[in-house]
Amino acid sequence: MQEPPPQSGCHDGSEQAFAADRARLVAAIRRMTQDEDGFAPRAVSAQVLAVIGKVPRHRFVPREIRIEAYGNHPLPIGHGQTISQPYIVALMTDLLQLDKRQRVLEVGTGSGYQTAVLAELAGTVFSMEVVAPLAEMAAHTLHELGYGNVTVQAGDGAQGWPEHAPYDGILVTAAAEEVPPALLQQLRPGGRLVIPVGGRFEVQRLLRITRREAGGFEREYIEPVRFVPLV
């Protein structure tokens, strides 16, 4: 389900108006996960929905489409990349089951929106973005918004960020044909990796991998998704 953006004629672009948009977005996500016919997507926690209701998504999209920021759908952010559907952001975040003691690696900063959501819940977030202008823009926006527990770096996130490993959670915001081995190696025992898996023209599946304390990995397929490819 996609919540339509507010009409430009009744939206003054104020922070109060955007706050009302966020409240409507949270309500839309709740509705879409409460389908009584049994076809609803997976629900997300109240804690994560509260963060979706707090983080200013309009600050992470191009100024000319800010009026659309709280529709429950992806939006272009330039350089051939998109900001993910808010429900998917919420779902992937919820699957990590974060708390403020934990360290997270994000692969694919994009414009920084998912990064901000993670930063609200985790202790420390390290985020990598292969498109250098996006990394710079995201770092600037996150700094402006006061997210002091985030470090952004331009680079190949498929190789992870071993200097800060191991991680309690790793979240990948682009689809890989196979799970990068470096990310599995950098996951702490008991930690979780959430990643879309599949090719550009294939059915992609959202996968959660938990590193067992006793060794090995447990894999859980969540639901079909559509992401840009991991590069």
C-alpha atoms as a PDB file:
ATOM      1  CA  MET A   1       0.000   0.000   0.000  1.00  0.00           C
ATOM      2  CA  GLN A   2       1.295   3.446  -0.884  1.00  0.00           C
ATOM      3  CA  GLU A   3       0.127   6.528   0.943  1.00  0.00           C
ATOM      4  CA  PRO A   4      -0.368   9.416  -1.521  1.00  0.00           C
ATOM      5  CA  PRO A   5       1.709  12.540  -0.915  1.00  0.00           C
ATOM      6  CA  PRO A   6      -0.054  15.659   0.325  1.00  0.00           C
ATOM      7  CA  GLN A   7      -1.402  18.013  -2.310  1.00  0.00           C
ATOM      8  CA  SER A   8       0.832  21.027  -2.908  1.00  0.00           C
ATOM      9  CA  GLY A   9      -2.104  23.398  -2.633  1.00  0.00           C
ATOM     10  CA  CYS A  10      -2.704  22.545   1.035  1.00  0.00           C
ATOM     11  CA  HIS A  11       0.889  22.080   2.210  1.00  0.00           C
ATOM     12  CA  ASP A  12       2.880  25.137   3.290  1.00  0.00           C
ATOM     13  CA  GLY A  13       6.237  23.349   3.645  1.00  0.00           C
ATOM     14  CA  SER A  14       6.459  24.175   7.347  1.00  0.00           C
ATOM     15  CA  GLU A  15       7.937  21.839   9.946  1.00  0.00           C
ATOM     16  CA  GLN A  16       4.455  21.555  11.454  1.00  0.00           C
ATOM     17  CA  ALA A  17       3.047  20.397   8.115  1.00  0.00           C
ATOM     18  CA  PHE A  18       5.852  17.862   7.683  1.00  0.00           C
ATOM     19  CA  ALA A  19       5.239  16.559  11.224  1.00  0.00           C
ATOM     20  CA  ALA A  20       1.596  15.963  10.282  1.00  0.00           C
ATOM     21  CA  ASP A  21       2.797  14.133   7.156  1.00  0.00           C
ATOM     22  CA  ARG A  22       4.983  11.868   9.307  1.00  0.00           C
ATOM     23  CA  ALA A  23       2.031  11.030  11.541  1.00  0.00           C
ATOM     24  CA  ARG A  24      -0.015  10.069   8.468  1.00  0.00           C
ATOM     25  CA  LEU A  25       2.862   7.939   7.192  1.00  0.00           C
ATOM     26  CA  VAL A  26       3.090   6.005  10.462  1.00  0.00           C
ATOM     27  CA  ALA A  27      -0.671   5.446  10.375  1.00  0.00           C
ATOM     28  CA  ALA A  28      -0.408   4.195   6.780  1.00  0.00           C
ATOM     29  CA  ILE A  29       2.311   1.701   7.704  1.00  0.00           C
ATOM     30  CA  ARG A  30       0.209   0.426  10.610  1.00  0.00           C
ATOM     31  CA  ARG A  31      -2.785  -0.045   8.312  1.00  0.00           C
ATOM     32  CA  MET A  32      -0.828  -1.917   5.652  1.00  0.00           C
ATOM     33  CA  THR A  33       0.438  -4.430   8.232  1.00  0.00           C
ATOM     34  CA  GLN A  34      -3.013  -5.124   9.672  1.00  0.00           C
ATOM     35  CA  ASP A  35      -4.729  -6.670   6.666  1.00  0.00           C
ATOM     36  CA  GLU A  36      -7.248  -9.095   8.129  1.00  0.00           C
ATOM     37  CA  ASP A  37      -7.241 -11.284   4.992  1.00  0.00           C
ATOM     38  CA  GLY A  38      -3.826 -12.676   5.845  1.00  0.00           C
ATOM     39  CA  PHE A  39      -1.925 -10.931   3.036  1.00  0.00           C
ATOM     40  CA  ALA A  40      -0.426  -8.127   5.106  1.00  0.00           C
ATOM     41  CA  PRO A  41       3.339  -7.596   5.044  1.00  0.00           C
ATOM     42  CA  ARG A  42       5.298  -8.198   8.214  1.00  0.00           C
ATOM     43  CA  ALA A  43       4.512  -5.794  11.058  1.00  0.00           C
ATOM     44  CA  VAL A  44       7.181  -3.632  12.680  1.00  0.00           C
ATOM     45  CA  SER A  45       7.592  -2.663  16.318  1.00  0.00           C
ATOM     46  CA  ALA A  46       6.111   0.416  17.943  1.00  0.00           C
ATOM     47  CA  GLN A  47       9.657   1.527  18.809  1.00  0.00           C
ATOM     48  CA  VAL A  48      10.706   1.620  15.153  1.00  0.00           C
ATOM     49  CA  LEU A  49       7.456   3.288  14.078  1.00  0.00           C
ATOM     50  CA  ALA A  50       8.104   5.996  16.657  1.00  0.00           C
ATOM     51  CA  VAL A  51      11.447   6.667  14.983  1.00  0.00           C
ATOM     52  CA  ILE A  52       9.787   6.819  11.543  1.00  0.00           C
ATOM     53  CA  GLY A  53       7.463   9.409  13.077  1.00  0.00           C
ATOM     54  CA  LYS A  54      10.446  11.426  14.279  1.00  0.00           C
ATOM     55  CA  VAL A  55      13.142  11.437  11.566  1.00  0.00           C
ATOM     56  CA  PRO A  56      12.616  14.260   9.016  1.00  0.00           C
ATOM     57  CA  ARG A  57      12.641  12.301   5.734  1.00  0.00           C
ATOM     58  CA  HIS A  58      12.075  15.534   3.795  1.00  0.00           C
ATOM     59  CA  ARG A  59      15.608  16.609   4.712  1.00  0.00           C
ATOM     60  CA  PHE A  60      17.015  13.590   2.861  1.00  0.00           C
ATOM     61  CA  VAL A  61      15.336  14.077  -0.531  1.00  0.00           C
ATOM     62  CA  PRO A  62      15.937  16.734  -3.215  1.00  0.00           C
ATOM     63  CA  ARG A  63      14.293  20.029  -2.346  1.00  0.00           C
ATOM     64  CA  GLU A  64      12.076  19.980  -5.440  1.00  0.00           C
ATOM     65  CA  ILE A  65      10.311  16.760  -4.320  1.00  0.00           C
ATOM     66  CA  ARG A  66      10.102  17.398  -0.562  1.00  0.00           C
ATOM     67  CA  ILE A  67       6.323  17.631  -0.840  1.00  0.00           C
ATOM     68  CA  GLU A  68       6.410  13.881  -1.672  1.00  0.00           C
ATOM     69  CA  ALA A  69       8.773  12.924   1.158  1.00  0.00           C
ATOM     70  CA  TYR A  70       6.169  11.159   3.309  1.00  0.00           C
ATOM     71  CA  GLY A  71       4.462   9.092   0.675  1.00  0.00           C
ATOM     72  CA  ASN A  72       5.064   5.409   1.426  1.00  0.00           C
ATOM     73  CA  HIS A  73       7.148   4.799  -1.686  1.00  0.00           C
ATOM     74  CA  PRO A  74      10.750   5.189  -2.927  1.00  0.00           C
ATOM     75  CA  LEU A  75      12.010   8.513  -4.307  1.00  0.00           C
ATOM     76  CA  PRO A  76      14.975   9.389  -6.541  1.00  0.00           C
ATOM     77  CA  ILE A  77      17.964  11.042  -4.866  1.00  0.00           C
ATOM     78  CA  GLY A  78      20.225  11.428  -7.902  1.00  0.00           C
ATOM     79  CA  HIS A  79      23.186   9.437  -9.270  1.00  0.00           C
ATOM     80  CA  GLY A  80      20.812   6.636 -10.285  1.00  0.00           C
ATOM     81  CA  GLN A  81      19.965   5.889  -6.629  1.00  0.00           C
ATOM     82  CA  THR A  82      16.752   5.993  -4.600  1.00  0.00           C
ATOM     83  CA  ILE A  83      15.647   6.484  -1.025  1.00  0.00           C
ATOM     84  CA  SER A  84      13.781   3.352   0.014  1.00  0.00           C
ATOM     85  CA  GLN A  85      10.078   3.060   0.789  1.00  0.00           C
ATOM     86  CA  PRO A  86       9.588   4.040   4.456  1.00  0.00           C
ATOM     87  CA  TYR A  87       7.918   0.717   5.269  1.00  0.00           C
ATOM     88  CA  ILE A  88      10.991  -1.151   3.978  1.00  0.00           C
ATOM     89  CA  VAL A  89      13.272   1.136   5.997  1.00  0.00           C
ATOM     90  CA  ALA A  90      11.190   0.382   9.087  1.00  0.00           C
ATOM     91  CA  LEU A  91      11.101  -3.365   8.399  1.00  0.00           C
ATOM     92  CA  MET A  92      14.840  -3.723   7.795  1.00  0.00           C
ATOM     93  CA  THR A  93      15.615  -1.688  10.888  1.00  0.00           C
ATOM     94  CA  ASP A  94      13.226  -3.748  13.005  1.00  0.00           C
ATOM     95  CA  LEU A  95      14.832  -6.991  11.839  1.00  0.00           C
ATOM     96  CA  LEU A  96      18.148  -5.903  13.380  1.00  0.00           C
ATOM     97  CA  GLN A  97      16.550  -5.614  16.870  1.00  0.00           C
ATOM     98  CA  LEU A  98      18.854  -2.791  17.931  1.00  0.00           C
ATOM     99  CA  ASP A  99      19.581  -1.124  21.238  1.00  0.00           C
ATOM    100  CA  LYS A 100      21.858   1.719  22.339  1.00  0.00           C
ATOM    101  CA  ARG A 101      24.695  -0.618  23.345  1.00  0.00           C
ATOM    102  CA  GLN A 102      25.194  -1.821  19.794  1.00  0.00           C
ATOM    103  CA  ARG A 103      27.444  -0.992  16.866  1.00  0.00           C
ATOM    104  CA  VAL A 104      26.008  -1.086  13.345  1.00  0.00           C
ATOM    105  CA  LEU A 105      27.460  -1.092   9.858  1.00  0.00           C
ATOM    106  CA  GLU A 106      25.307   0.242   7.029  1.00  0.00           C
ATOM    107  CA  VAL A 107      26.313  -0.557   3.447  1.00  0.00           C
ATOM    108  CA  GLY A 108      24.800   2.025   1.108  1.00  0.00           C
ATOM    109  CA  THR A 109      24.321   5.362   2.879  1.00  0.00           C
ATOM    110  CA  GLY A 110      22.356   6.891   0.021  1.00  0.00           C
ATOM    111  CA  SER A 111      21.010  10.231   1.184  1.00  0.00           C
ATOM    112  CA  GLY A 112      21.338   9.225   4.853  1.00  0.00           C
ATOM    113  CA  TYR A 113      17.709   8.617   5.824  1.00  0.00           C
ATOM    114  CA  GLN A 114      18.127   4.956   6.742  1.00  0.00           C
ATOM    115  CA  THR A 115      21.337   5.971   8.541  1.00  0.00           C
ATOM    116  CA  ALA A 116      19.416   8.442  10.697  1.00  0.00           C
ATOM    117  CA  VAL A 117      16.797   5.827  11.578  1.00  0.00           C
ATOM    118  CA  LEU A 118      19.557   3.426  12.657  1.00  0.00           C
ATOM    119  CA  ALA A 119      21.271   6.172  14.654  1.00  0.00           C
ATOM    120  CA  GLU A 120      18.110   6.759  16.684  1.00  0.00           C
ATOM    121  CA  LEU A 121      18.207   3.152  17.905  1.00  0.00           C
ATOM    122  CA  ALA A 122      21.859   2.032  17.931  1.00  0.00           C
ATOM    123  CA  GLY A 123      24.814   3.301  19.900  1.00  0.00           C
ATOM    124  CA  THR A 124      27.152   3.842  16.947  1.00  0.00           C
ATOM    125  CA  VAL A 125      26.584   3.680  13.188  1.00  0.00           C
ATOM    126  CA  PHE A 126      29.302   3.346  10.564  1.00  0.00           C
ATOM    127  CA  SER A 127      27.996   3.867   7.042  1.00  0.00           C
ATOM    128  CA  MET A 128      29.665   3.375   3.659  1.00  0.00           C
ATOM    129  CA  GLU A 129      28.558   4.746   0.287  1.00  0.00           C
ATOM    130  CA  VAL A 130      30.231   3.935  -3.027  1.00  0.00           C
ATOM    131  CA  VAL A 131      28.983   7.164  -4.695  1.00  0.00           C
ATOM    132  CA  ALA A 132      31.238   9.820  -3.187  1.00  0.00           C
ATOM    133  CA  PRO A 133      28.911  12.845  -3.772  1.00  0.00           C
ATOM    134  CA  LEU A 134      26.084  11.015  -1.984  1.00  0.00           C
ATOM    135  CA  ALA A 135      28.379  10.150   0.927  1.00  0.00           C
ATOM    136  CA  GLU A 136      29.378  13.796   1.251  1.00  0.00           C
ATOM    137  CA  MET A 137      25.783  15.033   1.049  1.00  0.00           C
ATOM    138  CA  ALA A 138      24.555  12.478   3.588  1.00  0.00           C
ATOM    139  CA  ALA A 139      27.349  13.266   6.045  1.00  0.00           C
ATOM    140  CA  HIS A 140      26.502  16.971   5.797  1.00  0.00           C
ATOM    141  CA  THR A 141      22.767  16.410   6.386  1.00  0.00           C
ATOM    142  CA  LEU A 142      23.337  14.036   9.295  1.00  0.00           C
ATOM    143  CA  HIS A 143      25.725  16.539  10.897  1.00  0.00           C
ATOM    144  CA  GLU A 144      23.192  19.351  10.463  1.00  0.00           C
ATOM    145  CA  LEU A 145      20.563  17.226  12.201  1.00  0.00           C
ATOM    146  CA  GLY A 146      22.855  16.489  15.129  1.00  0.00           C
ATOM    147  CA  TYR A 147      23.568  12.794  14.610  1.00  0.00           C
ATOM    148  CA  GLY A 148      26.895  12.677  16.408  1.00  0.00           C
ATOM    149  CA  ASN A 149      26.969   8.876  16.644  1.00  0.00           C
ATOM    150  CA  VAL A 150      27.315   8.404  12.856  1.00  0.00           C
ATOM    151  CA  THR A 151      30.463   8.157  10.725  1.00  0.00           C
ATOM    152  CA  VAL A 152      30.102   8.142   6.925  1.00  0.00           C
ATOM    153  CA  GLN A 153      32.828   7.099   4.518  1.00  0.00           C
ATOM    154  CA  ALA A 154      32.953   6.830   0.723  1.00  0.00           C
ATOM    155  CA  GLY A 155      34.069   3.370  -0.337  1.00  0.00           C
ATOM    156  CA  ASP A 156      33.178  -0.179  -1.344  1.00  0.00           C
ATOM    157  CA  GLY A 157      30.778  -1.336   1.331  1.00  0.00           C
ATOM    158  CA  ALA A 158      30.778  -4.917   0.038  1.00  0.00           C
ATOM    159  CA  GLN A 159      34.182  -5.219   1.702  1.00  0.00           C
ATOM    160  CA  GLY A 160      32.769  -3.965   4.981  1.00  0.00           C
ATOM    161  CA  TRP A 161      34.680  -1.686   7.318  1.00  0.00           C
ATOM    162  CA  PRO A 162      37.020  -4.026   9.195  1.00  0.00           C
ATOM    163  CA  GLU A 163      38.609  -1.302  11.343  1.00  0.00           C
ATOM    164  CA  HIS A 164      35.430  -1.045  13.405  1.00  0.00           C
ATOM    165  CA  ALA A 165      34.354  -4.706  13.345  1.00  0.00           C
ATOM    166  CA  PRO A 166      32.804  -6.769  14.788  1.00  0.00           C
ATOM    167  CA  TYR A 167      29.282  -5.385  14.387  1.00  0.00           C
ATOM    168  CA  ASP A 168      26.124  -6.254  16.264  1.00  0.00           C
ATOM    169  CA  GLY A 169      24.112  -5.448  13.148  1.00  0.00           C
ATOM    170  CA  ILE A 170      24.861  -4.981   9.456  1.00  0.00           C
ATOM    171  CA  LEU A 171      22.267  -3.539   7.075  1.00  0.00           C
ATOM    172  CA  VAL A 172      22.716  -3.498   3.293  1.00  0.00           C
ATOM    173  CA  THR A 173      20.507  -1.127   1.277  1.00  0.00           C
ATOM    174  CA  ALA A 174      21.218  -2.565  -2.191  1.00  0.00           C
ATOM    175  CA  ALA A 175      20.689  -6.029  -3.648  1.00  0.00           C
ATOM    176  CA  ALA A 176      23.610  -8.451  -3.884  1.00  0.00           C
ATOM    177  CA  GLU A 177      23.534 -11.562  -6.040  1.00  0.00           C
ATOM    178  CA  GLU A 178      25.324 -13.329  -3.184  1.00  0.00           C
ATOM    179  CA  VAL A 179      25.979 -12.321   0.406  1.00  0.00           C
ATOM    180  CA  PRO A 180      29.457 -10.704   0.549  1.00  0.00           C
ATOM    181  CA  PRO A 181      31.728 -12.986   2.635  1.00  0.00           C
ATOM    182  CA  ALA A 182      33.478  -9.978   4.208  1.00  0.00           C
ATOM    183  CA  LEU A 183      30.226  -8.886   5.829  1.00  0.00           C
ATOM    184  CA  LEU A 184      29.644 -12.304   7.366  1.00  0.00           C
ATOM    185  CA  GLN A 185      33.172 -12.266   8.765  1.00  0.00           C
ATOM    186  CA  GLN A 186      32.627  -8.867  10.389  1.00  0.00           C
ATOM    187  CA  LEU A 187      29.418  -9.882  12.159  1.00  0.00           C
ATOM    188  CA  ARG A 188      29.664 -10.459  15.904  1.00  0.00           C
ATOM    189  CA  PRO A 189      28.406 -13.820  17.249  1.00  0.00           C
ATOM    190  CA  GLY A 190      24.743 -13.243  17.986  1.00  0.00           C
ATOM    191  CA  GLY A 191      24.674 -10.347  15.494  1.00  0.00           C
ATOM    192  CA  ARG A 192      22.303  -9.964  12.546  1.00  0.00           C
ATOM    193  CA  LEU A 193      22.831  -9.101   8.892  1.00  0.00           C
ATOM    194  CA  VAL A 194      19.847  -7.839   6.858  1.00  0.00           C
ATOM    195  CA  ILE A 195      20.352  -7.792   3.092  1.00  0.00           C
ATOM    196  CA  PRO A 196      18.295  -8.022  -0.126  1.00  0.00           C
ATOM    197  CA  VAL A 197      19.550 -10.887  -2.291  1.00  0.00           C
ATOM    198  CA  GLY A 198      18.961 -11.334  -6.035  1.00  0.00           C
ATOM    199  CA  GLY A 199      19.900  -9.917  -9.429  1.00  0.00           C
ATOM    200  CA  ARG A 200      18.529  -6.762 -11.053  1.00  0.00           C
ATOM    201  CA  PHE A 201      15.995  -8.664 -13.176  1.00  0.00           C
ATOM    202  CA  GLU A 202      15.265 -11.426 -10.668  1.00  0.00           C
ATOM    203  CA  VAL A 203      12.864 -11.683  -7.767  1.00  0.00           C
ATOM    204  CA  GLN A 204      14.871 -10.309  -4.855  1.00  0.00           C
ATOM    205  CA  ARG A 205      14.296 -11.572  -1.343  1.00  0.00           C
ATOM    206  CA  LEU A 206      15.003  -9.842   1.921  1.00  0.00           C
ATOM    207  CA  LEU A 207      17.240 -12.064   4.010  1.00  0.00           C
ATOM    208  CA  ARG A 208      18.171 -11.947   7.702  1.00  0.00           C
ATOM    209  CA  ILE A 209      21.289 -13.864   8.718  1.00  0.00           C
ATOM    210  CA  THR A 210      22.100 -14.434  12.385  1.00  0.00           C
ATOM    211  CA  ARG A 211      25.588 -15.516  13.399  1.00  0.00           C
ATOM    212  CA  ARG A 212      25.142 -18.285  15.961  1.00  0.00           C
ATOM    213  CA  GLU A 213      27.037 -18.032  19.233  1.00  0.00           C
ATOM    214  CA  ALA A 214      28.092 -21.669  18.799  1.00  0.00           C
ATOM    215  CA  GLY A 215      29.251 -21.147  15.209  1.00  0.00           C
ATOM    216  CA  GLY A 216      27.638 -21.060  11.780  1.00  0.00           C
ATOM    217  CA  PHE A 217      24.809 -18.920  10.449  1.00  0.00           C
ATOM    218  CA  GLU A 218      21.026 -19.080  10.507  1.00  0.00           C
ATOM    219  CA  ARG A 219      19.202 -17.701   7.439  1.00  0.00           C
ATOM    220  CA  GLU A 220      15.641 -16.430   7.362  1.00  0.00           C
ATOM    221  CA  TYR A 221      13.895 -15.190   4.211  1.00  0.00           C
ATOM    222  CA  ILE A 222      11.479 -12.385   5.030  1.00  0.00           C
ATOM    223  CA  GLU A 223       9.615 -11.196   1.914  1.00  0.00           C
ATOM    224  CA  PRO A 224      10.112 -10.146  -1.738  1.00  0.00           C
ATOM    225  CA  VAL A 225      11.689  -6.722  -2.291  1.00  0.00           C
ATOM    226  CA  ARG A 226      13.075  -4.545  -5.090  1.00  0.00           C
ATOM    227  CA  PHE A 227      16.390  -2.717  -4.682  1.00  0.00           C
ATOM    228  CA  VAL A 228      19.041  -1.197  -6.921  1.00  0.00           C
ATOM    229  CA  PRO A 229      22.062  -3.520  -7.305  1.00  0.00           C
ATOM    230  CA  LEU A 230      24.996  -3.426  -4.920  1.00  0.00           C
ATOM    231  CA  VAL A 231      28.007  -1.966  -6.735  1.00  0.00           C
END
